[in-house]
PDB file of N, CA and C in Angstrom:
ATOM      1  N   MET A   1      -8.357 -11.779   8.106  1.00  0.00           N
ATOM      2  CA  MET A   1      -7.652 -10.578   7.959  1.00  0.00           C
ATOM      3  C   MET A   1      -6.748  -9.888   8.850  1.00  0.00           C
ATOM      4  N   ALA A   2      -5.524  -9.378   8.993  1.00  0.00           N
ATOM      5  CA  ALA A   2      -4.956  -8.915   9.788  1.00  0.00           C
ATOM      6  C   ALA A   2      -4.180  -7.845   9.605  1.00  0.00           C
ATOM      7  N   SER A   3      -3.655  -6.409   9.932  1.00  0.00           N
ATOM      8  CA  SER A   3      -3.124  -5.724   9.220  1.00  0.00           C
ATOM      9  C   SER A   3      -2.270  -4.745  10.461  1.00  0.00           C
ATOM     10  N   ILE A   4      -1.064  -4.375  10.362  1.00  0.00           N
ATOM     11  CA  ILE A   4      -0.463  -3.162  11.077  1.00  0.00           C
ATOM     12  C   ILE A   4       0.195  -2.201  10.148  1.00  0.00           C
ATOM     13  N   GLY A   5       0.267  -0.940  10.477  1.00  0.00           N
ATOM     14  CA  GLY A   5       1.220  -0.120   9.833  1.00  0.00           C
ATOM     15  C   GLY A   5       0.430   0.651   8.695  1.00  0.00           C
ATOM     16  N   LYS A   6       1.385   1.188   7.610  1.00  0.00           N
ATOM     17  CA  LYS A   6       0.663   1.566   6.550  1.00  0.00           C
ATOM     18  C   LYS A   6       0.268   0.633   5.531  1.00  0.00           C
ATOM     19  N   THR A   7      -0.645   1.065   4.561  1.00  0.00           N
ATOM     20  CA  THR A   7      -0.922   0.494   3.566  1.00  0.00           C
ATOM     21  C   THR A   7      -0.131   1.028   2.016  1.00  0.00           C
ATOM     22  N   GLU A   8      -0.170   0.464   1.132  1.00  0.00           N
ATOM     23  CA  GLU A   8       0.399   0.928  -0.293  1.00  0.00           C
ATOM     24  C   GLU A   8      -0.121   2.174  -0.351  1.00  0.00           C
ATOM     25  N   GLU A   9      -1.658   2.373  -0.207  1.00  0.00           N
ATOM     26  CA  GLU A   9      -2.225   3.133  -0.858  1.00  0.00           C
ATOM     27  C   GLU A   9      -2.063   4.609  -0.009  1.00  0.00           C
ATOM     28  N   GLU A  10      -2.102   4.480   1.595  1.00  0.00           N
ATOM     29  CA  GLU A  10      -1.515   5.450   2.225  1.00  0.00           C
ATOM     30  C   GLU A  10      -0.051   5.983   1.919  1.00  0.00           C
ATOM     31  N   LEU A  11       0.887   4.948   1.527  1.00  0.00           N
ATOM     32  CA  LEU A  11       2.179   5.478   1.395  1.00  0.00           C
ATOM     33  C   LEU A  11       2.613   5.949   0.433  1.00  0.00           C
ATOM     34  N   LYS A  12       1.695   5.745  -0.998  1.00  0.00           N
ATOM     35  CA  LYS A  12       1.632   6.603  -1.843  1.00  0.00           C
ATOM     36  C   LYS A  12       0.947   8.042  -1.920  1.00  0.00           C
ATOM     37  N   ALA A  13      -0.473   8.061  -1.022  1.00  0.00           N
ATOM     38  CA  ALA A  13      -0.990   9.466  -1.014  1.00  0.00           C
ATOM     39  C   ALA A  13       0.025  10.428  -0.138  1.00  0.00           C
ATOM     40  N   GLU A  14       1.008   9.702   0.744  1.00  0.00           N
ATOM     41  CA  GLU A  14       2.028  10.467   1.394  1.00  0.00           C
ATOM     42  C   GLU A  14       3.434  10.828   0.835  1.00  0.00           C
ATOM     43  N   GLY A  15       3.441  10.141  -0.642  1.00  0.00           N
ATOM     44  CA  GLY A  15       4.603  10.172  -1.363  1.00  0.00           C
ATOM     45  C   GLY A  15       5.982   9.570  -0.711  1.00  0.00           C
ATOM     46  N   VAL A  16       5.620   8.593   0.050  1.00  0.00           N
ATOM     47  CA  VAL A  16       6.574   7.602   0.843  1.00  0.00           C
ATOM     48  C   VAL A  16       7.233   6.636  -0.237  1.00  0.00           C
ATOM     49  N   SER A  17       8.436   6.391  -0.415  1.00  0.00           N
ATOM     50  CA  SER A  17       9.037   5.562  -0.973  1.00  0.00           C
ATOM     51  C   SER A  17       8.808   4.057   0.055  1.00  0.00           C
ATOM     52  N   TYR A  18       8.544   2.990  -1.008  1.00  0.00           N
ATOM     53  CA  TYR A  18       8.509   1.739  -0.332  1.00  0.00           C
ATOM     54  C   TYR A  18       8.937   0.657  -1.034  1.00  0.00           C
ATOM     55  N   GLN A  19       9.182  -0.690  -0.676  1.00  0.00           N
ATOM     56  CA  GLN A  19       9.606  -1.778  -1.298  1.00  0.00           C
ATOM     57  C   GLN A  19       8.349  -2.639  -0.997  1.00  0.00           C
ATOM     58  N   SER A  20       7.645  -3.573  -1.693  1.00  0.00           N
ATOM     59  CA  SER A  20       6.750  -4.510  -1.277  1.00  0.00           C
ATOM     60  C   SER A  20       7.301  -5.793  -1.433  1.00  0.00           C
ATOM     61  N   GLY A  21       6.664  -6.977  -0.300  1.00  0.00           N
ATOM     62  CA  GLY A  21       7.012  -8.104  -0.672  1.00  0.00           C
ATOM     63  C   GLY A  21       5.846  -8.851  -0.615  1.00  0.00           C
ATOM     64  N   LYS A  22       5.565  -9.835  -1.338  1.00  0.00           N
ATOM     65  CA  LYS A  22       3.973 -10.351  -1.137  1.00  0.00           C
ATOM     66  C   LYS A  22       4.481 -11.785  -1.481  1.00  0.00           C
ATOM     67  N   PHE A  23       4.132 -12.949  -0.354  1.00  0.00           N
ATOM     68  CA  PHE A  23       4.143 -13.963  -0.617  1.00  0.00           C
ATOM     69  C   PHE A  23       2.841 -14.802  -0.516  1.00  0.00           C
ATOM     70  N   PRO A  24       2.379 -15.643  -1.412  1.00  0.00           N
ATOM     71  CA  PRO A  24       0.857 -16.361  -1.503  1.00  0.00           C
ATOM     72  C   PRO A  24       0.964 -17.631  -0.595  1.00  0.00           C
ATOM     73  N   TYR A  25      -0.024 -18.030   0.034  1.00  0.00           N
ATOM     74  CA  TYR A  25      -0.236 -19.099   0.864  1.00  0.00           C
ATOM     75  C   TYR A  25      -0.164 -20.172   0.052  1.00  0.00           C
ATOM     76  N   SER A  26      -0.368 -20.170  -1.288  1.00  0.00           N
ATOM     77  CA  SER A  26      -0.283 -21.611  -2.023  1.00  0.00           C
ATOM     78  C   SER A  26       1.076 -21.760  -2.358  1.00  0.00           C
ATOM     79  N   ALA A  27       2.075 -21.198  -1.919  1.00  0.00           N
ATOM     80  CA  ALA A  27       3.276 -21.535  -2.228  1.00  0.00           C
ATOM     81  C   ALA A  27       3.986 -21.889  -0.624  1.00  0.00           C
ATOM     82  N   SER A  28       3.160 -21.877   0.351  1.00  0.00           N
ATOM     83  CA  SER A  28       3.239 -22.174   1.615  1.00  0.00           C
ATOM     84  C   SER A  28       3.168 -23.803   1.954  1.00  0.00           C
ATOM     85  N   ALA A  29       4.429 -24.166   2.504  1.00  0.00           N
ATOM     86  CA  ALA A  29       4.297 -25.811   2.725  1.00  0.00           C
ATOM     87  C   ALA A  29       3.022 -25.836   3.868  1.00  0.00           C
ATOM     88  N   ARG A  30       2.754 -25.160   4.871  1.00  0.00           N
ATOM     89  CA  ARG A  30       1.906 -25.550   5.653  1.00  0.00           C
ATOM     90  C   ARG A  30       0.517 -25.421   5.283  1.00  0.00           C
ATOM     91  N   ALA A  31       0.240 -24.211   4.516  1.00  0.00           N
ATOM     92  CA  ALA A  31      -0.831 -23.924   4.043  1.00  0.00           C
ATOM     93  C   ALA A  31      -1.246 -25.005   2.637  1.00  0.00           C
ATOM     94  N   ARG A  32      -0.180 -25.652   2.215  1.00  0.00           N
ATOM     95  CA  ARG A  32      -0.662 -26.704   1.447  1.00  0.00           C
ATOM     96  C   ARG A  32      -0.920 -27.984   1.801  1.00  0.00           C
ATOM     97  N   ALA A  33      -0.102 -28.034   3.408  1.00  0.00           N
ATOM     98  CA  ALA A  33      -0.315 -29.529   3.976  1.00  0.00           C
ATOM     99  C   ALA A  33      -1.640 -29.359   4.474  1.00  0.00           C
ATOM    100  N   SER A  34      -2.137 -28.279   5.094  1.00  0.00           N
ATOM    101  CA  SER A  34      -3.327 -27.929   5.478  1.00  0.00           C
ATOM    102  C   SER A  34      -4.856 -27.953   4.337  1.00  0.00           C
ATOM    103  N   MET A  35      -4.224 -27.754   3.174  1.00  0.00           N
ATOM    104  CA  MET A  35      -5.120 -27.517   2.080  1.00  0.00           C
ATOM    105  C   MET A  35      -5.834 -26.365   2.383  1.00  0.00           C
ATOM    106  N   ASP A  36      -5.341 -25.173   2.583  1.00  0.00           N
ATOM    107  CA  ASP A  36      -6.089 -24.135   3.014  1.00  0.00           C
ATOM    108  C   ASP A  36      -4.903 -22.959   2.330  1.00  0.00           C
ATOM    109  N   THR A  37      -5.017 -22.588   1.235  1.00  0.00           N
ATOM    110  CA  THR A  37      -4.080 -22.007   0.618  1.00  0.00           C
ATOM    111  C   THR A  37      -4.323 -20.681   0.082  1.00  0.00           C
ATOM    112  N   ASP A  38      -5.785 -20.280   0.029  1.00  0.00           N
ATOM    113  CA  ASP A  38      -6.245 -18.955   0.057  1.00  0.00           C
ATOM    114  C   ASP A  38      -5.666 -17.988   0.760  1.00  0.00           C
ATOM    115  N   GLY A  39      -4.840 -17.049  -0.006  1.00  0.00           N
ATOM    116  CA  GLY A  39      -4.539 -15.701   1.070  1.00  0.00           C
ATOM    117  C   GLY A  39      -3.058 -15.515   0.778  1.00  0.00           C
ATOM    118  N   PHE A  40      -2.389 -14.463   1.463  1.00  0.00           N
ATOM    119  CA  PHE A  40      -1.245 -13.881   1.419  1.00  0.00           C
ATOM    120  C   PHE A  40      -0.591 -13.050   2.368  1.00  0.00           C
ATOM    121  N   VAL A  41       0.799 -12.705   2.386  1.00  0.00           N
ATOM    122  CA  VAL A  41       1.238 -12.167   3.448  1.00  0.00           C
ATOM    123  C   VAL A  41       1.870 -11.056   2.613  1.00  0.00           C
ATOM    124  N   LYS A  42       1.631  -9.836   2.865  1.00  0.00           N
ATOM    125  CA  LYS A  42       2.450  -8.527   2.137  1.00  0.00           C
ATOM    126  C   LYS A  42       2.992  -7.496   3.094  1.00  0.00           C
ATOM    127  N   VAL A  43       4.462  -7.372   2.892  1.00  0.00           N
ATOM    128  CA  VAL A  43       5.318  -6.549   3.870  1.00  0.00           C
ATOM    129  C   VAL A  43       5.536  -5.622   3.093  1.00  0.00           C
ATOM    130  N   LEU A  44       5.310  -4.543   3.578  1.00  0.00           N
ATOM    131  CA  LEU A  44       5.972  -2.919   3.015  1.00  0.00           C
ATOM    132  C   LEU A  44       7.114  -2.397   3.932  1.00  0.00           C
ATOM    133  N   ILE A  45       8.387  -2.027   3.108  1.00  0.00           N
ATOM    134  CA  ILE A  45       9.511  -1.669   4.024  1.00  0.00           C
ATOM    135  C   ILE A  45       9.975  -0.620   3.368  1.00  0.00           C
ATOM    136  N   ASP A  46      10.816   0.211   4.124  1.00  0.00           N
ATOM    137  CA  ASP A  46      11.433   1.303   3.647  1.00  0.00           C
ATOM    138  C   ASP A  46      12.634   1.015   2.602  1.00  0.00           C
ATOM    139  N   PRO A  47      13.102   1.591   1.778  1.00  0.00           N
ATOM    140  CA  PRO A  47      13.855   0.857   0.715  1.00  0.00           C
ATOM    141  C   PRO A  47      15.293   1.291   1.283  1.00  0.00           C
ATOM    142  N   LEU A  48      15.462   2.199   1.832  1.00  0.00           N
ATOM    143  CA  LEU A  48      16.787   2.784   2.296  1.00  0.00           C
ATOM    144  C   LEU A  48      17.255   1.989   3.597  1.00  0.00           C
ATOM    145  N   TYR A  49      16.329   1.644   4.825  1.00  0.00           N
ATOM    146  CA  TYR A  49      16.803   1.402   6.021  1.00  0.00           C
ATOM    147  C   TYR A  49      16.247  -0.059   6.231  1.00  0.00           C
ATOM    148  N   GLY A  50      15.135  -0.386   5.527  1.00  0.00           N
ATOM    149  CA  GLY A  50      14.729  -1.555   5.275  1.00  0.00           C
ATOM    150  C   GLY A  50      13.587  -1.657   6.907  1.00  0.00           C
ATOM    151  N   GLU A  51      13.406  -0.443   7.392  1.00  0.00           N
ATOM    152  CA  GLU A  51      12.087  -0.740   8.355  1.00  0.00           C
ATOM    153  C   GLU A  51      11.227  -1.037   7.927  1.00  0.00           C
ATOM    154  N   VAL A  52      10.382  -1.992   8.735  1.00  0.00           N
ATOM    155  CA  VAL A  52       9.084  -2.251   8.297  1.00  0.00           C
ATOM    156  C   VAL A  52       8.044  -1.218   8.469  1.00  0.00           C
ATOM    157  N   LEU A  53       6.982  -0.801   7.430  1.00  0.00           N
ATOM    158  CA  LEU A  53       6.130   0.155   7.360  1.00  0.00           C
ATOM    159  C   LEU A  53       4.945  -0.369   7.579  1.00  0.00           C
ATOM    160  N   GLY A  54       4.320  -1.498   7.235  1.00  0.00           N
ATOM    161  CA  GLY A  54       3.331  -2.287   7.229  1.00  0.00           C
ATOM    162  C   GLY A  54       3.460  -3.644   6.787  1.00  0.00           C
ATOM    163  N   VAL A  55       2.424  -4.406   7.609  1.00  0.00           N
ATOM    164  CA  VAL A  55       2.245  -5.588   7.302  1.00  0.00           C
ATOM    165  C   VAL A  55       0.741  -6.225   7.008  1.00  0.00           C
ATOM    166  N   HIS A  56       0.595  -6.822   6.182  1.00  0.00           N
ATOM    167  CA  HIS A  56      -1.020  -7.239   5.729  1.00  0.00           C
ATOM    168  C   HIS A  56      -1.245  -8.690   5.521  1.00  0.00           C
ATOM    169  N   ILE A  57      -2.089  -9.284   6.019  1.00  0.00           N
ATOM    170  CA  ILE A  57      -2.153 -10.578   6.090  1.00  0.00           C
ATOM    171  C   ILE A  57      -3.658 -11.177   5.861  1.00  0.00           C
ATOM    172  N   ILE A  58      -4.019 -11.906   4.908  1.00  0.00           N
ATOM    173  CA  ILE A  58      -5.186 -12.404   4.503  1.00  0.00           C
ATOM    174  C   ILE A  58      -5.109 -13.911   4.246  1.00  0.00           C
ATOM    175  N   GLY A  59      -5.606 -14.615   5.116  1.00  0.00           N
ATOM    176  CA  GLY A  59      -5.694 -16.073   4.973  1.00  0.00           C
ATOM    177  C   GLY A  59      -5.867 -17.040   6.197  1.00  0.00           C
ATOM    178  N   PRO A  60      -5.318 -18.148   6.716  1.00  0.00           N
ATOM    179  CA  PRO A  60      -5.397 -18.937   7.422  1.00  0.00           C
ATOM    180  C   PRO A  60      -4.494 -18.423   8.845  1.00  0.00           C
ATOM    181  N   ARG A  61      -4.986 -18.493   9.888  1.00  0.00           N
ATOM    182  CA  ARG A  61      -3.955 -18.432  11.097  1.00  0.00           C
ATOM    183  C   ARG A  61      -3.504 -16.881  11.311  1.00  0.00           C
ATOM    184  N   VAL A  62      -4.147 -15.902  10.727  1.00  0.00           N
ATOM    185  CA  VAL A  62      -3.648 -14.409  10.884  1.00  0.00           C
ATOM    186  C   VAL A  62      -3.504 -13.655  12.260  1.00  0.00           C
ATOM    187  N   ALA A  63      -4.580 -14.286  12.583  1.00  0.00           N
ATOM    188  CA  ALA A  63      -4.216 -13.569  14.562  1.00  0.00           C
ATOM    189  C   ALA A  63      -2.812 -14.013  14.877  1.00  0.00           C
ATOM    190  N   ASP A  64      -2.280 -15.427  14.509  1.00  0.00           N
ATOM    191  CA  ASP A  64      -1.050 -15.975  15.166  1.00  0.00           C
ATOM    192  C   ASP A  64       0.094 -15.417  14.417  1.00  0.00           C
ATOM    193  N   VAL A  65       0.143 -14.957  13.108  1.00  0.00           N
ATOM    194  CA  VAL A  65       1.318 -14.505  12.141  1.00  0.00           C
ATOM    195  C   VAL A  65       1.285 -12.968  12.439  1.00  0.00           C
ATOM    196  N   ILE A  66       0.276 -12.172  12.610  1.00  0.00           N
ATOM    197  CA  ILE A  66       0.272 -11.056  12.714  1.00  0.00           C
ATOM    198  C   ILE A  66       0.987 -10.533  14.132  1.00  0.00           C
ATOM    199  N   ALA A  67       1.097 -11.240  15.104  1.00  0.00           N
ATOM    200  CA  ALA A  67       1.716 -10.992  16.150  1.00  0.00           C
ATOM    201  C   ALA A  67       3.523 -10.786  16.046  1.00  0.00           C
ATOM    202  N   GLN A  68       3.697 -11.609  15.274  1.00  0.00           N
ATOM    203  CA  GLN A  68       5.375 -11.083  15.050  1.00  0.00           C
ATOM    204  C   GLN A  68       5.484 -10.097  14.451  1.00  0.00           C
ATOM    205  N   ALA A  69       4.656  -9.661  13.184  1.00  0.00           N
ATOM    206  CA  ALA A  69       4.704  -8.216  12.617  1.00  0.00           C
ATOM    207  C   ALA A  69       4.685  -7.040  13.652  1.00  0.00           C
ATOM    208  N   VAL A  70       4.071  -7.190  14.472  1.00  0.00           N
ATOM    209  CA  VAL A  70       3.418  -6.302  15.317  1.00  0.00           C
ATOM    210  C   VAL A  70       5.013  -6.062  16.477  1.00  0.00           C
ATOM    211  N   VAL A  71       5.658  -7.259  16.529  1.00  0.00           N
ATOM    212  CA  VAL A  71       6.936  -6.863  17.476  1.00  0.00           C
ATOM    213  C   VAL A  71       7.789  -5.873  16.550  1.00  0.00           C
ATOM    214  N   SER A  72       7.800  -6.403  15.232  1.00  0.00           N
ATOM    215  CA  SER A  72       8.743  -5.826  14.125  1.00  0.00           C
ATOM    216  C   SER A  72       8.722  -4.189  14.142  1.00  0.00           C
ATOM    217  N   MET A  73       7.089  -3.894  14.067  1.00  0.00           N
ATOM    218  CA  MET A  73       6.832  -2.415  14.027  1.00  0.00           C
ATOM    219  C   MET A  73       7.218  -1.957  15.377  1.00  0.00           C
ATOM    220  N   GLU A  74       6.904  -2.558  16.305  1.00  0.00           N
ATOM    221  CA  GLU A  74       7.142  -1.638  17.851  1.00  0.00           C
ATOM    222  C   GLU A  74       8.040  -1.405  18.360  1.00  0.00           C
ATOM    223  N   PHE A  75       9.567  -2.242  17.636  1.00  0.00           N
ATOM    224  CA  PHE A  75      10.763  -2.363  17.902  1.00  0.00           C
ATOM    225  C   PHE A  75      11.427  -1.868  16.863  1.00  0.00           C
ATOM    226  N   GLU A  76      10.989  -1.100  15.841  1.00  0.00           N
ATOM    227  CA  GLU A  76      11.351  -0.862  14.445  1.00  0.00           C
ATOM    228  C   GLU A  76      12.795  -1.585  13.850  1.00  0.00           C
ATOM    229  N   VAL A  77      12.130  -2.897  13.814  1.00  0.00           N
ATOM    230  CA  VAL A  77      13.203  -3.945  13.483  1.00  0.00           C
ATOM    231  C   VAL A  77      13.167  -3.730  11.840  1.00  0.00           C
ATOM    232  N   THR A  78      14.342  -4.184  11.099  1.00  0.00           N
ATOM    233  CA  THR A  78      14.360  -4.038   9.794  1.00  0.00           C
ATOM    234  C   THR A  78      13.847  -5.493   9.274  1.00  0.00           C
ATOM    235  N   ALA A  79      13.570  -5.494   7.976  1.00  0.00           N
ATOM    236  CA  ALA A  79      13.253  -6.613   7.366  1.00  0.00           C
ATOM    237  C   ALA A  79      14.395  -7.608   7.204  1.00  0.00           C
ATOM    238  N   GLU A  80      15.675  -7.215   6.988  1.00  0.00           N
ATOM    239  CA  GLU A  80      16.639  -8.264   7.283  1.00  0.00           C
ATOM    240  C   GLU A  80      16.620  -8.796   8.657  1.00  0.00           C
ATOM    241  N   ASP A  81      16.409  -7.945   9.785  1.00  0.00           N
ATOM    242  CA  ASP A  81      16.501  -8.775  10.907  1.00  0.00           C
ATOM    243  C   ASP A  81      15.348  -9.833  10.895  1.00  0.00           C
ATOM    244  N   MET A  82      14.140  -9.403  10.269  1.00  0.00           N
ATOM    245  CA  MET A  82      13.164 -10.300  10.256  1.00  0.00           C
ATOM    246  C   MET A  82      13.534 -11.784   9.741  1.00  0.00           C
ATOM    247  N   TYR A  83      14.103 -11.306   8.424  1.00  0.00           N
ATOM    248  CA  TYR A  83      14.045 -12.709   7.652  1.00  0.00           C
ATOM    249  C   TYR A  83      15.223 -13.578   8.072  1.00  0.00           C
ATOM    250  N   ARG A  84      16.269 -13.038   8.896  1.00  0.00           N
ATOM    251  CA  ARG A  84      17.084 -13.951   9.643  1.00  0.00           C
ATOM    252  C   ARG A  84      16.878 -14.697  10.827  1.00  0.00           C
ATOM    253  N   ILE A  85      15.718 -14.189  11.536  1.00  0.00           N
ATOM    254  CA  ILE A  85      15.296 -15.045  12.432  1.00  0.00           C
ATOM    255  C   ILE A  85      14.992 -16.373  11.963  1.00  0.00           C
ATOM    256  N   SER A  86      14.886 -17.255  13.247  1.00  0.00           N
ATOM    257  CA  SER A  86      14.606 -18.740  12.770  1.00  0.00           C
ATOM    258  C   SER A  86      12.987 -18.926  13.121  1.00  0.00           C
ATOM    259  N   TYR A  87      12.581 -19.539  12.173  1.00  0.00           N
ATOM    260  CA  TYR A  87      11.124 -19.731  11.879  1.00  0.00           C
ATOM    261  C   TYR A  87      10.888 -21.435  11.806  1.00  0.00           C
ATOM    262  N   ALA A  88       9.888 -21.620  12.588  1.00  0.00           N
ATOM    263  CA  ALA A  88       9.679 -23.212  12.562  1.00  0.00           C
ATOM    264  C   ALA A  88       9.410 -23.656  11.251  1.00  0.00           C
ATOM    265  N   HIS A  89       9.404 -24.941  10.833  1.00  0.00           N
ATOM    266  CA  HIS A  89       8.963 -25.316   9.711  1.00  0.00           C
ATOM    267  C   HIS A  89       8.262 -26.841   9.856  1.00  0.00           C
ATOM    268  N   PRO A  90       6.817 -26.860   9.271  1.00  0.00           N
ATOM    269  CA  PRO A  90       6.137 -26.055   8.493  1.00  0.00           C
ATOM    270  C   PRO A  90       5.227 -25.088   9.396  1.00  0.00           C
ATOM    271  N   THR A  91       5.208 -24.001   9.076  1.00  0.00           N
ATOM    272  CA  THR A  91       4.237 -22.920  10.139  1.00  0.00           C
ATOM    273  C   THR A  91       3.832 -22.262   8.814  1.00  0.00           C
ATOM    274  N   TYR A  92       2.540 -21.500   9.091  1.00  0.00           N
ATOM    275  CA  TYR A  92       2.169 -20.238   8.468  1.00  0.00           C
ATOM    276  C   TYR A  92       3.072 -19.208   8.735  1.00  0.00           C
ATOM    277  N   ALA A  93       3.860 -19.002   9.800  1.00  0.00           N
ATOM    278  CA  ALA A  93       4.699 -17.796   9.752  1.00  0.00           C
ATOM    279  C   ALA A  93       5.900 -17.486   8.853  1.00  0.00           C
ATOM    280  N   GLU A  94       5.906 -18.697   8.305  1.00  0.00           N
ATOM    281  CA  GLU A  94       7.183 -18.909   7.308  1.00  0.00           C
ATOM    282  C   GLU A  94       6.957 -18.159   6.198  1.00  0.00           C
ATOM    283  N   ALA A  95       5.603 -17.908   5.610  1.00  0.00           N
ATOM    284  CA  ALA A  95       4.922 -17.182   4.753  1.00  0.00           C
ATOM    285  C   ALA A  95       5.222 -15.336   4.990  1.00  0.00           C
ATOM    286  N   LEU A  96       5.494 -15.213   6.217  1.00  0.00           N
ATOM    287  CA  LEU A  96       6.035 -13.835   6.517  1.00  0.00           C
ATOM    288  C   LEU A  96       7.425 -13.533   6.445  1.00  0.00           C
ATOM    289  N   LYS A  97       8.328 -14.824   6.803  1.00  0.00           N
ATOM    290  CA  LYS A  97       9.938 -14.798   6.364  1.00  0.00           C
ATOM    291  C   LYS A  97       9.854 -14.632   4.946  1.00  0.00           C
ATOM    292  N   ASP A  98       9.486 -15.203   4.567  1.00  0.00           N
ATOM    293  CA  ASP A  98       9.438 -15.222   2.842  1.00  0.00           C
ATOM    294  C   ASP A  98       9.166 -13.765   1.980  1.00  0.00           C
ATOM    295  N   ALA A  99       8.114 -13.229   2.624  1.00  0.00           N
ATOM    296  CA  ALA A  99       7.459 -11.747   2.104  1.00  0.00           C
ATOM    297  C   ALA A  99       8.727 -10.951   2.507  1.00  0.00           C
ATOM    298  N   TYR A 100       9.446 -11.000   3.624  1.00  0.00           N
ATOM    299  CA  TYR A 100      10.324 -10.035   4.208  1.00  0.00           C
ATOM    300  C   TYR A 100      11.608 -10.101   3.282  1.00  0.00           C
ATOM    301  N   LEU A 101      11.800 -11.532   3.058  1.00  0.00           N
ATOM    302  CA  LEU A 101      12.858 -11.802   2.037  1.00  0.00           C
ATOM    303  C   LEU A 101      12.806 -10.926   0.486  1.00  0.00           C
ATOM    304  N   ILE A 102      11.491 -11.048   0.061  1.00  0.00           N
ATOM    305  CA  ILE A 102      10.937 -10.437  -1.124  1.00  0.00           C
ATOM    306  C   ILE A 102      11.138  -9.285  -1.140  1.00  0.00           C
ATOM    307  N   ALA A 103      10.549  -8.627  -0.253  1.00  0.00           N
ATOM    308  CA  ALA A 103      10.531  -6.898   0.024  1.00  0.00           C
ATOM    309  C   ALA A 103      12.062  -6.460  -0.128  1.00  0.00           C
ATOM    310  N   ALA A 104      12.916  -7.376   0.775  1.00  0.00           N
ATOM    311  CA  ALA A 104      14.504  -6.882   0.730  1.00  0.00           C
ATOM    312  C   ALA A 104      15.070  -7.140  -0.597  1.00  0.00           C
ATOM    313  N   GLY A 105      14.486  -7.899  -1.514  1.00  0.00           N
ATOM    314  CA  GLY A 105      15.180  -8.349  -2.632  1.00  0.00           C
ATOM    315  C   GLY A 105      15.899  -9.305  -2.570  1.00  0.00           C
ATOM    316  N   GLN A 106      15.851  -9.727  -1.495  1.00  0.00           N
ATOM    317  CA  GLN A 106      16.706 -11.137  -1.486  1.00  0.00           C
ATOM    318  C   GLN A 106      16.245 -12.716  -1.619  1.00  0.00           C
ATOM    319  N   GLY A 107      14.834 -12.635  -2.047  1.00  0.00           N
ATOM    320  CA  GLY A 107      14.049 -14.055  -2.427  1.00  0.00           C
ATOM    321  C   GLY A 107      12.964 -13.609  -3.531  1.00  0.00           C
ATOM    322  N   ALA A 108      12.969 -14.613  -4.180  1.00  0.00           N
ATOM    323  CA  ALA A 108      11.620 -14.622  -5.096  1.00  0.00           C
ATOM    324  C   ALA A 108      10.684 -16.101  -5.334  1.00  0.00           C
ATOM    325  N   ILE A 109       9.820 -15.748  -5.760  1.00  0.00           N
ATOM    326  CA  ILE A 109       9.126 -17.143  -5.560  1.00  0.00           C
ATOM    327  C   ILE A 109       8.870 -17.452  -7.269  1.00  0.00           C
ATOM    328  N   ASN A 110       8.530 -18.848  -7.558  1.00  0.00           N
ATOM    329  CA  ASN A 110       8.031 -19.117  -9.130  1.00  0.00           C
ATOM    330  C   ASN A 110       6.810 -20.033  -8.816  1.00  0.00           C
ATOM    331  N   ILE A 111       5.886 -19.339  -9.250  1.00  0.00           N
ATOM    332  CA  ILE A 111       4.356 -20.245  -9.162  1.00  0.00           C
ATOM    333  C   ILE A 111       3.696 -20.206 -10.515  1.00  0.00           C
TER     334      ILE A 111
END
């Protein structure tokens, strides 16, 4: 498990509006190829400006994937910036991209 920023509970308690994007590892090509599909990536963003407020990951390779989320928060990058950058395929980090897409209302999954 790895996490940075606010949780949904903290944002609710503070009365902060947010959008959430959650992508399960069961839908990740890399996780499926590795047969390690337990877990998910959740991204919380500001609905007006798209700034990343929190990222929470449970599952394989979280120590690797969270590093990219740390950069997004440190430099106040938006979810759109994060989903528009290139992600290698197949990687666990692609789940992060998909979570950003969902949080920004640009993607959806059917499982």
